[in-house]
Amino acid sequence: MGDFDLKQEISLKEDAAYVVKNGKLTTMKAPECGHGNDEIVWKDGKVLDVIRSKRERINGQEYI
């Protein structure tokens, strides 16, 4: 397997999503507000981008 025969440990005690690209691990933590969506964009079988959006609940605020 060459240079990509690598291993890395992750914590099973924290909620997160993980992306491996070119042998490197990226941890995707939850948004600070606690709500949102992460969309992974693939191109030619590889991760290209992550689109992160957040959701805000309407509770009668004047502005958001």
N, C-alpha and C. Protein backbone atom coordinates (compact mmCIF):
# COMPACT_ATOMS: atom_id res chain seq x y z
N MET A 1 0.80 -1.20 0.00
CA MET A 1 0.00 0.00 0.00
C MET A 1 0.85 1.27 0.00
N GLY A 2 2.14 1.18 0.22
CA GLY A 2 3.00 2.34 0.11
C GLY A 2 2.81 3.36 1.22
N ASP A 3 2.89 4.64 0.85
CA ASP A 3 2.80 5.74 1.81
C ASP A 3 1.45 5.84 2.49
N PHE A 4 0.41 5.24 1.92
CA PHE A 4 -0.93 5.40 2.47
C PHE A 4 -1.29 4.28 3.44
N ASP A 5 -0.31 3.49 3.86
CA ASP A 5 -0.54 2.41 4.81
C ASP A 5 -0.39 2.96 6.22
N LEU A 6 -1.23 3.96 6.56
CA LEU A 6 -1.13 4.67 7.83
C LEU A 6 -2.34 4.37 8.71
N LYS A 7 -2.15 4.53 10.02
CA LYS A 7 -3.25 4.36 10.97
C LYS A 7 -3.26 5.56 11.90
N GLN A 8 -4.46 5.92 12.34
CA GLN A 8 -4.60 7.02 13.30
C GLN A 8 -5.74 6.67 14.23
N GLU A 9 -5.61 7.01 15.50
CA GLU A 9 -6.66 6.73 16.47
C GLU A 9 -7.61 7.91 16.57
N ILE A 10 -8.89 7.59 16.80
CA ILE A 10 -9.90 8.61 17.04
C ILE A 10 -10.58 8.31 18.36
N SER A 11 -11.16 9.33 18.97
CA SER A 11 -11.88 9.16 20.23
C SER A 11 -13.31 8.74 19.94
N LEU A 12 -13.75 7.69 20.58
CA LEU A 12 -15.14 7.26 20.46
C LEU A 12 -16.01 7.91 21.53
N LYS A 13 -15.41 8.80 22.33
CA LYS A 13 -16.15 9.49 23.38
C LYS A 13 -16.70 10.83 22.93
N GLU A 14 -16.24 11.36 21.78
CA GLU A 14 -16.75 12.64 21.29
C GLU A 14 -17.53 12.41 20.00
N ASP A 15 -18.64 13.14 19.86
CA ASP A 15 -19.42 13.07 18.64
C ASP A 15 -18.73 13.92 17.57
N ALA A 16 -18.47 13.31 16.44
CA ALA A 16 -17.82 14.01 15.33
C ALA A 16 -17.96 13.16 14.08
N ALA A 17 -17.71 13.77 12.95
CA ALA A 17 -17.62 13.05 11.68
C ALA A 17 -16.17 13.19 11.22
N TYR A 18 -15.71 12.21 10.47
CA TYR A 18 -14.32 12.21 10.04
C TYR A 18 -14.24 12.04 8.53
N VAL A 19 -13.33 12.77 7.92
CA VAL A 19 -13.08 12.66 6.49
C VAL A 19 -11.60 12.37 6.31
N VAL A 20 -11.30 11.38 5.49
CA VAL A 20 -9.91 11.08 5.14
C VAL A 20 -9.71 11.49 3.69
N LYS A 21 -8.73 12.37 3.46
CA LYS A 21 -8.41 12.82 2.11
C LYS A 21 -6.89 12.82 1.96
N ASN A 22 -6.43 12.13 0.94
CA ASN A 22 -4.99 12.05 0.66
C ASN A 22 -4.19 11.59 1.88
N GLY A 23 -4.76 10.65 2.63
CA GLY A 23 -4.06 10.09 3.78
C GLY A 23 -4.09 10.94 5.03
N LYS A 24 -4.83 12.05 5.00
CA LYS A 24 -4.91 12.93 6.17
C LYS A 24 -6.33 12.93 6.73
N LEU A 25 -6.43 12.88 8.05
CA LEU A 25 -7.71 12.82 8.74
C LEU A 25 -8.16 14.22 9.15
N THR A 26 -9.39 14.57 8.81
CA THR A 26 -9.99 15.84 9.24
C THR A 26 -11.18 15.52 10.12
N THR A 27 -11.20 16.08 11.32
CA THR A 27 -12.32 15.91 12.24
C THR A 27 -13.32 17.04 12.01
N MET A 28 -14.57 16.67 11.80
CA MET A 28 -15.63 17.65 11.62
C MET A 28 -16.48 17.65 12.88
N LYS A 29 -16.32 18.68 13.70
CA LYS A 29 -17.09 18.79 14.94
C LYS A 29 -18.44 19.43 14.67
N ALA A 30 -19.33 19.28 15.61
CA ALA A 30 -20.66 19.88 15.49
C ALA A 30 -20.54 21.40 15.46
N PRO A 31 -21.47 22.08 14.77
CA PRO A 31 -21.45 23.55 14.79
C PRO A 31 -21.60 24.07 16.22
N GLU A 32 -21.04 25.24 16.48
CA GLU A 32 -21.10 25.82 17.83
C GLU A 32 -22.52 26.01 18.31
N CYS A 33 -23.44 26.33 17.39
CA CYS A 33 -24.83 26.55 17.79
C CYS A 33 -25.54 25.22 18.10
N GLY A 34 -24.92 24.09 17.73
CA GLY A 34 -25.49 22.79 18.03
C GLY A 34 -26.43 22.24 16.97
N HIS A 35 -26.76 23.02 15.95
CA HIS A 35 -27.65 22.58 14.88
C HIS A 35 -27.02 22.92 13.54
N GLY A 36 -27.22 22.08 12.54
CA GLY A 36 -26.72 22.40 11.21
C GLY A 36 -26.60 21.17 10.35
N ASN A 37 -26.08 21.36 9.16
CA ASN A 37 -25.88 20.29 8.19
C ASN A 37 -24.49 20.39 7.60
N ASP A 38 -23.89 19.24 7.36
CA ASP A 38 -22.62 19.18 6.63
C ASP A 38 -22.85 18.31 5.40
N GLU A 39 -22.51 18.84 4.25
CA GLU A 39 -22.66 18.12 2.99
C GLU A 39 -21.27 17.92 2.40
N ILE A 40 -20.93 16.69 2.07
CA ILE A 40 -19.63 16.39 1.48
C ILE A 40 -19.77 16.38 -0.03
N VAL A 41 -18.91 17.13 -0.72
CA VAL A 41 -18.92 17.21 -2.17
C VAL A 41 -17.78 16.33 -2.69
N TRP A 42 -18.13 15.39 -3.55
CA TRP A 42 -17.16 14.46 -4.12
C TRP A 42 -16.89 14.83 -5.58
N LYS A 43 -15.65 14.66 -6.02
CA LYS A 43 -15.30 14.84 -7.43
C LYS A 43 -14.28 13.77 -7.80
N ASP A 44 -14.58 13.03 -8.85
CA ASP A 44 -13.70 11.96 -9.33
C ASP A 44 -13.34 10.98 -8.22
N GLY A 45 -14.31 10.68 -7.34
CA GLY A 45 -14.10 9.70 -6.28
C GLY A 45 -13.33 10.21 -5.08
N LYS A 46 -13.07 11.51 -5.02
CA LYS A 46 -12.33 12.08 -3.89
C LYS A 46 -13.14 13.22 -3.27
N VAL A 47 -12.93 13.43 -1.97
CA VAL A 47 -13.60 14.55 -1.30
C VAL A 47 -13.02 15.85 -1.83
N LEU A 48 -13.90 16.75 -2.26
CA LEU A 48 -13.47 18.04 -2.78
C LEU A 48 -13.70 19.15 -1.75
N ASP A 49 -14.92 19.22 -1.22
CA ASP A 49 -15.30 20.28 -0.29
C ASP A 49 -16.30 19.75 0.73
N VAL A 50 -16.49 20.54 1.78
CA VAL A 50 -17.57 20.33 2.73
C VAL A 50 -18.36 21.63 2.76
N ILE A 51 -19.67 21.51 2.57
CA ILE A 51 -20.55 22.68 2.66
C ILE A 51 -21.22 22.61 4.02
N ARG A 52 -20.98 23.61 4.85
CA ARG A 52 -21.54 23.63 6.21
C ARG A 52 -22.60 24.72 6.29
N SER A 53 -23.77 24.34 6.75
CA SER A 53 -24.84 25.32 6.95
C SER A 53 -25.38 25.15 8.36
N LYS A 54 -25.98 26.22 8.87
CA LYS A 54 -26.55 26.12 10.20
C LYS A 54 -28.03 26.47 10.15
N ARG A 55 -28.75 25.92 11.08
CA ARG A 55 -30.19 26.13 11.17
C ARG A 55 -30.47 26.97 12.40
N GLU A 56 -31.37 27.92 12.27
CA GLU A 56 -31.77 28.73 13.42
C GLU A 56 -33.27 28.62 13.59
N ARG A 57 -33.67 28.23 14.77
CA ARG A 57 -35.09 28.10 15.09
C ARG A 57 -35.68 29.47 15.32
N ILE A 58 -36.85 29.72 14.78
CA ILE A 58 -37.55 30.99 14.96
C ILE A 58 -38.40 30.89 16.22
N ASN A 59 -38.07 31.71 17.20
CA ASN A 59 -38.79 31.74 18.48
C ASN A 59 -39.32 33.12 18.78
N GLY A 60 -39.72 33.86 17.75
CA GLY A 60 -40.25 35.19 17.96
C GLY A 60 -39.19 36.28 18.06
N GLN A 61 -37.92 35.95 17.69
CA GLN A 61 -36.88 36.97 17.72
C GLN A 61 -37.22 38.05 16.70
N GLU A 62 -36.81 39.27 17.01
CA GLU A 62 -37.03 40.36 16.06
C GLU A 62 -36.08 40.22 14.87
N TYR A 63 -34.84 39.79 15.14
CA TYR A 63 -33.82 39.62 14.10
C TYR A 63 -33.06 38.32 14.34
N ILE A 64 -32.57 37.75 13.27
CA ILE A 64 -31.64 36.63 13.40
C ILE A 64 -30.42 36.90 12.54
